[in-house]
Every structure is written in structure tokens, then in C-alpha cells.
Amino acid sequence: MKMTMHIDEEVLDRVMKITGAPTKRAAVEMALNNLARRHKMKELFREGLGFTAEELRASVDPASYPEFDHPAKLVAEDPAPYGKPDPAR
């Protein structure tokens, strides 16, 4: 759809730099799509994907990860001892 709009040029230039958009039109489309996506995500989070907090907590059994005493260890490995080769390599 073609339309005429008055857009703050400084804001548009900033959006073009941030997004790397090659044209003003592309920058406006990216900004609009991003706003619509963020709003949709907000709606989904508000709905809670159909689960209550209690249901989500109950869906994870901490006993199924007995070797991990803290959830952060699920995403990070213990570092190799200083001065010794990493056994994972």
C-alpha cells in the first residue's frame, strides 16, 4: 500500500543504522514487523501458554537431574583444572 507519512528523519536514520536496512521503506517495515512481533509475544506470555505456574513447576522433576545440584550447571561445564589439559578435547 502506498501512503505519504511524516516521519522524524533522525529516528528513521537511527532505525536504518540499527537494523542495517538499505532503504527507508525497509527500515519502516522492519520496525513495524518488530513491534507486531513484540506485541504477539507479550500476548502469549500473558496467556501463560495455557499452564498455571503450579502446572509448569510440576512438569519438571528435579530428581531426573540428580547429578546437578544447581540449575545453572545444566548450561555450563566445570572448568578444567588450571595447567592441565581439558579432558573434553
PDB file of N, CA and C in Angstrom:
ATOM      1  N   MET A   1       0.851  -1.169   0.000  1.00  0.00           N
ATOM      2  CA  MET A   1       0.000   0.000   0.000  1.00  0.00           C
ATOM      3  C   MET A   1       0.896   1.231   0.000  1.00  0.00           C
ATOM      4  N   LYS A   2       0.582   2.143  -0.812  1.00  0.00           N
ATOM      5  CA  LYS A   2       1.360   3.365  -0.904  1.00  0.00           C
ATOM      6  C   LYS A   2       0.688   4.434  -0.054  1.00  0.00           C
ATOM      7  N   MET A   3       1.508   5.165   0.737  1.00  0.00           N
ATOM      8  CA  MET A   3       0.967   6.246   1.553  1.00  0.00           C
ATOM      9  C   MET A   3       2.039   7.287   1.803  1.00  0.00           C
ATOM     10  N   THR A   4       1.607   8.468   2.119  1.00  0.00           N
ATOM     11  CA  THR A   4       2.517   9.559   2.447  1.00  0.00           C
ATOM     12  C   THR A   4       2.470   9.764   3.949  1.00  0.00           C
ATOM     13  N   MET A   5       3.670   9.807   4.557  1.00  0.00           N
ATOM     14  CA  MET A   5       3.736   9.964   6.018  1.00  0.00           C
ATOM     15  C   MET A   5       4.843  10.944   6.363  1.00  0.00           C
ATOM     16  N   HIS A   6       4.681  11.600   7.501  1.00  0.00           N
ATOM     17  CA  HIS A   6       5.722  12.476   8.020  1.00  0.00           C
ATOM     18  C   HIS A   6       6.394  11.720   9.161  1.00  0.00           C
ATOM     19  N   ILE A   7       7.664  11.343   8.957  1.00  0.00           N
ATOM     20  CA  ILE A   7       8.410  10.559   9.939  1.00  0.00           C
ATOM     21  C   ILE A   7       9.632  11.369  10.344  1.00  0.00           C
ATOM     22  N   ASP A   8       9.914  11.406  11.629  1.00  0.00           N
ATOM     23  CA  ASP A   8      11.094  12.090  12.146  1.00  0.00           C
ATOM     24  C   ASP A   8      12.338  11.484  11.482  1.00  0.00           C
ATOM     25  N   GLU A   9      13.077  12.292  10.727  1.00  0.00           N
ATOM     26  CA  GLU A   9      14.216  11.770   9.972  1.00  0.00           C
ATOM     27  C   GLU A   9      15.330  11.255  10.871  1.00  0.00           C
ATOM     28  N   GLU A  10      15.542  11.885  12.014  1.00  0.00           N
ATOM     29  CA  GLU A  10      16.584  11.406  12.936  1.00  0.00           C
ATOM     30  C   GLU A  10      16.247  10.002  13.445  1.00  0.00           C
ATOM     31  N   VAL A  11      14.984   9.790  13.770  1.00  0.00           N
ATOM     32  CA  VAL A  11      14.561   8.468  14.242  1.00  0.00           C
ATOM     33  C   VAL A  11      14.696   7.453  13.116  1.00  0.00           C
ATOM     34  N   LEU A  12      14.277   7.828  11.928  1.00  0.00           N
ATOM     35  CA  LEU A  12      14.372   6.923  10.787  1.00  0.00           C
ATOM     36  C   LEU A  12      15.832   6.582  10.473  1.00  0.00           C
ATOM     37  N   ASP A  13      16.718   7.570  10.521  1.00  0.00           N
ATOM     38  CA  ASP A  13      18.144   7.312  10.303  1.00  0.00           C
ATOM     39  C   ASP A  13      18.690   6.353  11.353  1.00  0.00           C
ATOM     40  N   ARG A  14      18.264   6.555  12.600  1.00  0.00           N
ATOM     41  CA  ARG A  14      18.718   5.669  13.684  1.00  0.00           C
ATOM     42  C   ARG A  14      18.241   4.245  13.449  1.00  0.00           C
ATOM     43  N   VAL A  15      16.988   4.088  13.057  1.00  0.00           N
ATOM     44  CA  VAL A  15      16.441   2.758  12.781  1.00  0.00           C
ATOM     45  C   VAL A  15      17.203   2.103  11.631  1.00  0.00           C
ATOM     46  N   MET A  16      17.532   2.876  10.605  1.00  0.00           N
ATOM     47  CA  MET A  16      18.276   2.330   9.472  1.00  0.00           C
ATOM     48  C   MET A  16      19.657   1.853   9.914  1.00  0.00           C
ATOM     49  N   LYS A  17      20.309   2.605  10.789  1.00  0.00           N
ATOM     50  CA  LYS A  17      21.633   2.196  11.280  1.00  0.00           C
ATOM     51  C   LYS A  17      21.528   0.960  12.166  1.00  0.00           C
ATOM     52  N   ILE A  18      20.536   0.944  13.043  1.00  0.00           N
ATOM     53  CA  ILE A  18      20.367  -0.180  13.972  1.00  0.00           C
ATOM     54  C   ILE A  18      20.063  -1.468  13.218  1.00  0.00           C
ATOM     55  N   THR A  19      19.167  -1.388  12.252  1.00  0.00           N
ATOM     56  CA  THR A  19      18.718  -2.593  11.548  1.00  0.00           C
ATOM     57  C   THR A  19      19.577  -2.945  10.342  1.00  0.00           C
ATOM     58  N   GLY A  20      20.327  -1.980   9.858  1.00  0.00           N
ATOM     59  CA  GLY A  20      21.092  -2.219   8.636  1.00  0.00           C
ATOM     60  C   GLY A  20      20.207  -2.194   7.399  1.00  0.00           C
ATOM     61  N   ALA A  21      19.030  -1.626   7.547  1.00  0.00           N
ATOM     62  CA  ALA A  21      18.083  -1.561   6.433  1.00  0.00           C
ATOM     63  C   ALA A  21      18.674  -0.725   5.298  1.00  0.00           C
ATOM     64  N   PRO A  22      18.583  -1.230   4.072  1.00  0.00           N
ATOM     65  CA  PRO A  22      19.169  -0.498   2.951  1.00  0.00           C
ATOM     66  C   PRO A  22      18.326   0.692   2.480  1.00  0.00           C
ATOM     67  N   THR A  23      17.035   0.675   2.808  1.00  0.00           N
ATOM     68  CA  THR A  23      16.152   1.763   2.375  1.00  0.00           C
ATOM     69  C   THR A  23      15.267   2.205   3.537  1.00  0.00           C
ATOM     70  N   LYS A  24      14.685   3.381   3.356  1.00  0.00           N
ATOM     71  CA  LYS A  24      13.757   3.883   4.376  1.00  0.00           C
ATOM     72  C   LYS A  24      12.544   2.966   4.480  1.00  0.00           C
ATOM     73  N   ARG A  25      12.073   2.506   3.347  1.00  0.00           N
ATOM     74  CA  ARG A  25      10.916   1.602   3.342  1.00  0.00           C
ATOM     75  C   ARG A  25      11.228   0.323   4.128  1.00  0.00           C
ATOM     76  N   ALA A  26      12.398  -0.250   3.882  1.00  0.00           N
ATOM     77  CA  ALA A  26      12.786  -1.471   4.591  1.00  0.00           C
ATOM     78  C   ALA A  26      12.873  -1.215   6.096  1.00  0.00           C
ATOM     79  N   ALA A  27      13.400  -0.054   6.483  1.00  0.00           N
ATOM     80  CA  ALA A  27      13.516   0.282   7.901  1.00  0.00           C
ATOM     81  C   ALA A  27      12.139   0.390   8.553  1.00  0.00           C
ATOM     82  N   VAL A  28      11.202   1.035   7.871  1.00  0.00           N
ATOM     83  CA  VAL A  28       9.845   1.175   8.406  1.00  0.00           C
ATOM     84  C   VAL A  28       9.182  -0.193   8.508  1.00  0.00           C
ATOM     85  N   GLU A  29       9.336  -1.037   7.485  1.00  0.00           N
ATOM     86  CA  GLU A  29       8.746  -2.373   7.528  1.00  0.00           C
ATOM     87  C   GLU A  29       9.339  -3.204   8.663  1.00  0.00           C
ATOM     88  N   MET A  30      10.661  -3.132   8.838  1.00  0.00           N
ATOM     89  CA  MET A  30      11.297  -3.875   9.941  1.00  0.00           C
ATOM     90  C   MET A  30      10.771  -3.406  11.291  1.00  0.00           C
ATOM     91  N   ALA A  31      10.671  -2.089  11.449  1.00  0.00           N
ATOM     92  CA  ALA A  31      10.195  -1.544  12.723  1.00  0.00           C
ATOM     93  C   ALA A  31       8.756  -1.975  13.005  1.00  0.00           C
ATOM     94  N   LEU A  32       7.900  -1.922  11.990  1.00  0.00           N
ATOM     95  CA  LEU A  32       6.511  -2.326  12.173  1.00  0.00           C
ATOM     96  C   LEU A  32       6.397  -3.824  12.473  1.00  0.00           C
ATOM     97  N   ASN A  33       7.155  -4.641  11.740  1.00  0.00           N
ATOM     98  CA  ASN A  33       7.126  -6.087  11.987  1.00  0.00           C
ATOM     99  C   ASN A  33       7.632  -6.416  13.386  1.00  0.00           C
ATOM    100  N   ASN A  34       8.683  -5.715  13.805  1.00  0.00           N
ATOM    101  CA  ASN A  34       9.228  -5.952  15.140  1.00  0.00           C
ATOM    102  C   ASN A  34       8.222  -5.572  16.224  1.00  0.00           C
ATOM    103  N   LEU A  35       7.545  -4.454  16.052  1.00  0.00           N
ATOM    104  CA  LEU A  35       6.536  -4.035  17.023  1.00  0.00           C
ATOM    105  C   LEU A  35       5.397  -5.049  17.093  1.00  0.00           C
ATOM    106  N   ALA A  36       4.932  -5.520  15.926  1.00  0.00           N
ATOM    107  CA  ALA A  36       3.847  -6.508  15.903  1.00  0.00           C
ATOM    108  C   ALA A  36       4.301  -7.823  16.560  1.00  0.00           C
ATOM    109  N   ARG A  37       5.543  -8.253  16.297  1.00  0.00           N
ATOM    110  CA  ARG A  37       6.070  -9.481  16.900  1.00  0.00           C
ATOM    111  C   ARG A  37       6.174  -9.354  18.415  1.00  0.00           C
ATOM    112  N   ARG A  38       6.680  -8.210  18.883  1.00  0.00           N
ATOM    113  CA  ARG A  38       6.804  -7.999  20.332  1.00  0.00           C
ATOM    114  C   ARG A  38       5.441  -8.014  21.006  1.00  0.00           C
ATOM    115  N   HIS A  39       4.453  -7.414  20.363  1.00  0.00           N
ATOM    116  CA  HIS A  39       3.106  -7.401  20.940  1.00  0.00           C
ATOM    117  C   HIS A  39       2.544  -8.819  21.016  1.00  0.00           C
ATOM    118  N   LYS A  40       2.766  -9.619  19.963  1.00  0.00           N
ATOM    119  CA  LYS A  40       2.288 -11.002  19.952  1.00  0.00           C
ATOM    120  C   LYS A  40       2.958 -11.811  21.058  1.00  0.00           C
ATOM    121  N   MET A  41       4.266 -11.611  21.244  1.00  0.00           N
ATOM    122  CA  MET A  41       4.986 -12.304  22.319  1.00  0.00           C
ATOM    123  C   MET A  41       4.421 -11.912  23.680  1.00  0.00           C
ATOM    124  N   LYS A  42       4.129 -10.646  23.847  1.00  0.00           N
ATOM    125  CA  LYS A  42       3.551 -10.162  25.102  1.00  0.00           C
ATOM    126  C   LYS A  42       2.212 -10.843  25.378  1.00  0.00           C
ATOM    127  N   GLU A  43       1.388 -10.968  24.340  1.00  0.00           N
ATOM    128  CA  GLU A  43       0.103 -11.656  24.494  1.00  0.00           C
ATOM    129  C   GLU A  43       0.300 -13.113  24.893  1.00  0.00           C
ATOM    130  N   LEU A  44       1.239 -13.781  24.229  1.00  0.00           N
ATOM    131  CA  LEU A  44       1.495 -15.195  24.549  1.00  0.00           C
ATOM    132  C   LEU A  44       1.988 -15.357  25.989  1.00  0.00           C
ATOM    133  N   PHE A  45       2.894 -14.494  26.415  1.00  0.00           N
ATOM    134  CA  PHE A  45       3.394 -14.584  27.786  1.00  0.00           C
ATOM    135  C   PHE A  45       2.290 -14.298  28.798  1.00  0.00           C
ATOM    136  N   ARG A  46       1.422 -13.351  28.466  1.00  0.00           N
ATOM    137  CA  ARG A  46       0.321 -13.028  29.366  1.00  0.00           C
ATOM    138  C   ARG A  46      -0.626 -14.213  29.515  1.00  0.00           C
ATOM    139  N   GLU A  47      -0.844 -14.925  28.417  1.00  0.00           N
ATOM    140  CA  GLU A  47      -1.718 -16.105  28.454  1.00  0.00           C
ATOM    141  C   GLU A  47      -1.073 -17.267  29.184  1.00  0.00           C
ATOM    142  N   GLY A  48       0.238 -17.248  29.298  1.00  0.00           N
ATOM    143  CA  GLY A  48       0.925 -18.315  30.020  1.00  0.00           C
ATOM    144  C   GLY A  48       0.936 -19.633  29.279  1.00  0.00           C
ATOM    145  N   LEU A  49       0.682 -19.600  27.989  1.00  0.00           N
ATOM    146  CA  LEU A  49       0.668 -20.798  27.159  1.00  0.00           C
ATOM    147  C   LEU A  49      -0.295 -21.853  27.674  1.00  0.00           C
ATOM    148  N   GLY A  50      -1.287 -21.427  28.443  1.00  0.00           N
ATOM    149  CA  GLY A  50      -2.316 -22.344  28.900  1.00  0.00           C
ATOM    150  C   GLY A  50      -1.998 -23.102  30.177  1.00  0.00           C
ATOM    151  N   PHE A  51      -0.839 -22.852  30.780  1.00  0.00           N
ATOM    152  CA  PHE A  51      -0.451 -23.547  32.007  1.00  0.00           C
ATOM    153  C   PHE A  51      -0.430 -22.587  33.179  1.00  0.00           C
ATOM    154  N   THR A  52      -0.775 -23.096  34.350  1.00  0.00           N
ATOM    155  CA  THR A  52      -0.612 -22.300  35.566  1.00  0.00           C
ATOM    156  C   THR A  52       0.823 -22.455  36.034  1.00  0.00           C
ATOM    157  N   ALA A  53       1.267 -21.583  36.918  1.00  0.00           N
ATOM    158  CA  ALA A  53       2.629 -21.666  37.453  1.00  0.00           C
ATOM    159  C   ALA A  53       2.851 -23.003  38.144  1.00  0.00           C
ATOM    160  N   GLU A  54       1.828 -23.487  38.848  1.00  0.00           N
ATOM    161  CA  GLU A  54       1.944 -24.766  39.544  1.00  0.00           C
ATOM    162  C   GLU A  54       2.116 -25.921  38.553  1.00  0.00           C
ATOM    163  N   GLU A  55       1.383 -25.861  37.434  1.00  0.00           N
ATOM    164  CA  GLU A  55       1.499 -26.907  36.419  1.00  0.00           C
ATOM    165  C   GLU A  55       2.895 -26.918  35.787  1.00  0.00           C
ATOM    166  N   LEU A  56       3.434 -25.745  35.552  1.00  0.00           N
ATOM    167  CA  LEU A  56       4.781 -25.673  34.985  1.00  0.00           C
ATOM    168  C   LEU A  56       5.814 -26.229  35.964  1.00  0.00           C
ATOM    169  N   ARG A  57       5.696 -25.865  37.240  1.00  0.00           N
ATOM    170  CA  ARG A  57       6.628 -26.391  38.254  1.00  0.00           C
ATOM    171  C   ARG A  57       6.516 -27.909  38.355  1.00  0.00           C
ATOM    172  N   ALA A  58       5.302 -28.408  38.290  1.00  0.00           N
ATOM    173  CA  ALA A  58       5.081 -29.848  38.427  1.00  0.00           C
ATOM    174  C   ALA A  58       5.558 -30.622  37.197  1.00  0.00           C
ATOM    175  N   SER A  59       5.714 -29.945  36.070  1.00  0.00           N
ATOM    176  CA  SER A  59       6.122 -30.648  34.853  1.00  0.00           C
ATOM    177  C   SER A  59       7.611 -30.968  34.815  1.00  0.00           C
ATOM    178  N   VAL A  60       8.398 -30.401  35.728  1.00  0.00           N
ATOM    179  CA  VAL A  60       9.834 -30.672  35.783  1.00  0.00           C
ATOM    180  C   VAL A  60      10.133 -31.406  37.077  1.00  0.00           C
ATOM    181  N   ASP A  61      10.702 -32.581  36.946  1.00  0.00           N
ATOM    182  CA  ASP A  61      11.057 -33.385  38.109  1.00  0.00           C
ATOM    183  C   ASP A  61      12.529 -33.174  38.436  1.00  0.00           C
ATOM    184  N   PRO A  62      12.852 -32.453  39.533  1.00  0.00           N
ATOM    185  CA  PRO A  62      14.254 -32.210  39.878  1.00  0.00           C
ATOM    186  C   PRO A  62      15.033 -33.509  40.102  1.00  0.00           C
ATOM    187  N   ALA A  63      14.348 -34.580  40.462  1.00  0.00           N
ATOM    188  CA  ALA A  63      15.028 -35.855  40.692  1.00  0.00           C
ATOM    189  C   ALA A  63      15.552 -36.458  39.392  1.00  0.00           C
ATOM    190  N   SER A  64      15.064 -35.982  38.256  1.00  0.00           N
ATOM    191  CA  SER A  64      15.546 -36.526  36.992  1.00  0.00           C
ATOM    192  C   SER A  64      16.923 -35.980  36.630  1.00  0.00           C
ATOM    193  N   TYR A  65      17.425 -35.029  37.412  1.00  0.00           N
ATOM    194  CA  TYR A  65      18.761 -34.483  37.216  1.00  0.00           C
ATOM    195  C   TYR A  65      19.561 -34.600  38.511  1.00  0.00           C
ATOM    196  N   PRO A  66      19.760 -35.814  39.053  1.00  0.00           N
ATOM    197  CA  PRO A  66      20.411 -35.945  40.356  1.00  0.00           C
ATOM    198  C   PRO A  66      21.868 -35.495  40.358  1.00  0.00           C
ATOM    199  N   GLU A  67      22.541 -35.520  39.202  1.00  0.00           N
ATOM    200  CA  GLU A  67      23.949 -35.124  39.173  1.00  0.00           C
ATOM    201  C   GLU A  67      24.146 -33.619  39.220  1.00  0.00           C
ATOM    202  N   PHE A  68      23.059 -32.862  39.089  1.00  0.00           N
ATOM    203  CA  PHE A  68      23.154 -31.414  39.123  1.00  0.00           C
ATOM    204  C   PHE A  68      22.482 -30.893  40.390  1.00  0.00           C
ATOM    205  N   ASP A  69      23.263 -30.196  41.206  1.00  0.00           N
ATOM    206  CA  ASP A  69      22.685 -29.651  42.428  1.00  0.00           C
ATOM    207  C   ASP A  69      22.215 -28.210  42.242  1.00  0.00           C
ATOM    208  N   HIS A  70      22.434 -27.673  41.058  1.00  0.00           N
ATOM    209  CA  HIS A  70      22.008 -26.307  40.782  1.00  0.00           C
ATOM    210  C   HIS A  70      21.645 -26.211  39.300  1.00  0.00           C
ATOM    211  N   PRO A  71      20.516 -25.549  38.952  1.00  0.00           N
ATOM    212  CA  PRO A  71      20.085 -25.477  37.559  1.00  0.00           C
ATOM    213  C   PRO A  71      21.120 -24.843  36.627  1.00  0.00           C
ATOM    214  N   ALA A  72      21.958 -23.927  37.133  1.00  0.00           N
ATOM    215  CA  ALA A  72      22.938 -23.267  36.273  1.00  0.00           C
ATOM    216  C   ALA A  72      23.946 -24.264  35.713  1.00  0.00           C
ATOM    217  N   LYS A  73      24.179 -25.365  36.402  1.00  0.00           N
ATOM    218  CA  LYS A  73      25.139 -26.351  35.916  1.00  0.00           C
ATOM    219  C   LYS A  73      24.615 -27.079  34.684  1.00  0.00           C
ATOM    220  N   LEU A  74      23.355 -26.927  34.369  1.00  0.00           N
ATOM    221  CA  LEU A  74      22.816 -27.555  33.171  1.00  0.00           C
ATOM    222  C   LEU A  74      23.328 -26.863  31.907  1.00  0.00           C
ATOM    223  N   VAL A  75      23.753 -25.621  32.018  1.00  0.00           N
ATOM    224  CA  VAL A  75      24.178 -24.883  30.838  1.00  0.00           C
ATOM    225  C   VAL A  75      25.667 -24.569  30.823  1.00  0.00           C
ATOM    226  N   ALA A  76      26.387 -24.949  31.853  1.00  0.00           N
ATOM    227  CA  ALA A  76      27.816 -24.655  31.895  1.00  0.00           C
ATOM    228  C   ALA A  76      28.564 -25.856  32.457  1.00  0.00           C
ATOM    229  N   GLU A  77      29.753 -26.064  31.952  1.00  0.00           N
ATOM    230  CA  GLU A  77      30.585 -27.149  32.441  1.00  0.00           C
ATOM    231  C   GLU A  77      31.568 -26.615  33.455  1.00  0.00           C
ATOM    232  N   ASP A  78      32.040 -27.489  34.334  1.00  0.00           N
ATOM    233  CA  ASP A  78      33.093 -27.105  35.260  1.00  0.00           C
ATOM    234  C   ASP A  78      34.368 -26.879  34.459  1.00  0.00           C
ATOM    235  N   PRO A  79      35.132 -25.840  34.773  1.00  0.00           N
ATOM    236  CA  PRO A  79      36.356 -25.587  34.022  1.00  0.00           C
ATOM    237  C   PRO A  79      37.400 -26.665  34.315  1.00  0.00           C
ATOM    238  N   ALA A  80      38.291 -26.888  33.356  1.00  0.00           N
ATOM    239  CA  ALA A  80      39.382 -27.837  33.558  1.00  0.00           C
ATOM    240  C   ALA A  80      40.333 -27.253  34.591  1.00  0.00           C
ATOM    241  N   PRO A  81      40.982 -28.106  35.381  1.00  0.00           N
ATOM    242  CA  PRO A  81      41.953 -27.594  36.357  1.00  0.00           C
ATOM    243  C   PRO A  81      43.041 -26.788  35.658  1.00  0.00           C
ATOM    244  N   TYR A  82      43.473 -25.730  36.304  1.00  0.00           N
ATOM    245  CA  TYR A  82      44.479 -24.841  35.727  1.00  0.00           C
ATOM    246  C   TYR A  82      45.766 -25.614  35.444  1.00  0.00           C
ATOM    247  N   GLY A  83      46.303 -25.452  34.254  1.00  0.00           N
ATOM    248  CA  GLY A  83      47.570 -26.071  33.906  1.00  0.00           C
ATOM    249  C   GLY A  83      47.444 -27.496  33.400  1.00  0.00           C
ATOM    250  N   LYS A  84      46.252 -28.038  33.374  1.00  0.00           N
ATOM    251  CA  LYS A  84      46.047 -29.405  32.893  1.00  0.00           C
ATOM    252  C   LYS A  84      45.172 -29.351  31.651  1.00  0.00           C
ATOM    253  N   PRO A  85      45.366 -30.279  30.713  1.00  0.00           N
ATOM    254  CA  PRO A  85      44.524 -30.266  29.504  1.00  0.00           C
ATOM    255  C   PRO A  85      43.064 -30.528  29.823  1.00  0.00           C
ATOM    256  N   ASP A  86      42.217 -29.957  29.031  1.00  0.00           N
ATOM    257  CA  ASP A  86      40.786 -30.151  29.177  1.00  0.00           C
ATOM    258  C   ASP A  86      40.444 -31.567  28.693  1.00  0.00           C
ATOM    259  N   PRO A  87      39.870 -32.433  29.569  1.00  0.00           N
ATOM    260  CA  PRO A  87      39.589 -33.812  29.166  1.00  0.00           C
ATOM    261  C   PRO A  87      38.521 -33.912  28.079  1.00  0.00           C
ATOM    262  N   ALA A  88      37.738 -32.864  27.873  1.00  0.00           N
ATOM    263  CA  ALA A  88      36.697 -32.891  26.848  1.00  0.00           C
ATOM    264  C   ALA A  88      37.268 -32.736  25.441  1.00  0.00           C
ATOM    265  N   ARG A  89      38.527 -32.317  25.334  1.00  0.00           N
ATOM    266  CA  ARG A  89      39.118 -32.084  23.994  1.00  0.00           C
ATOM    267  C   ARG A  89      39.935 -33.240  23.549  1.00  0.00           C
TER     268      ARG A  89
END
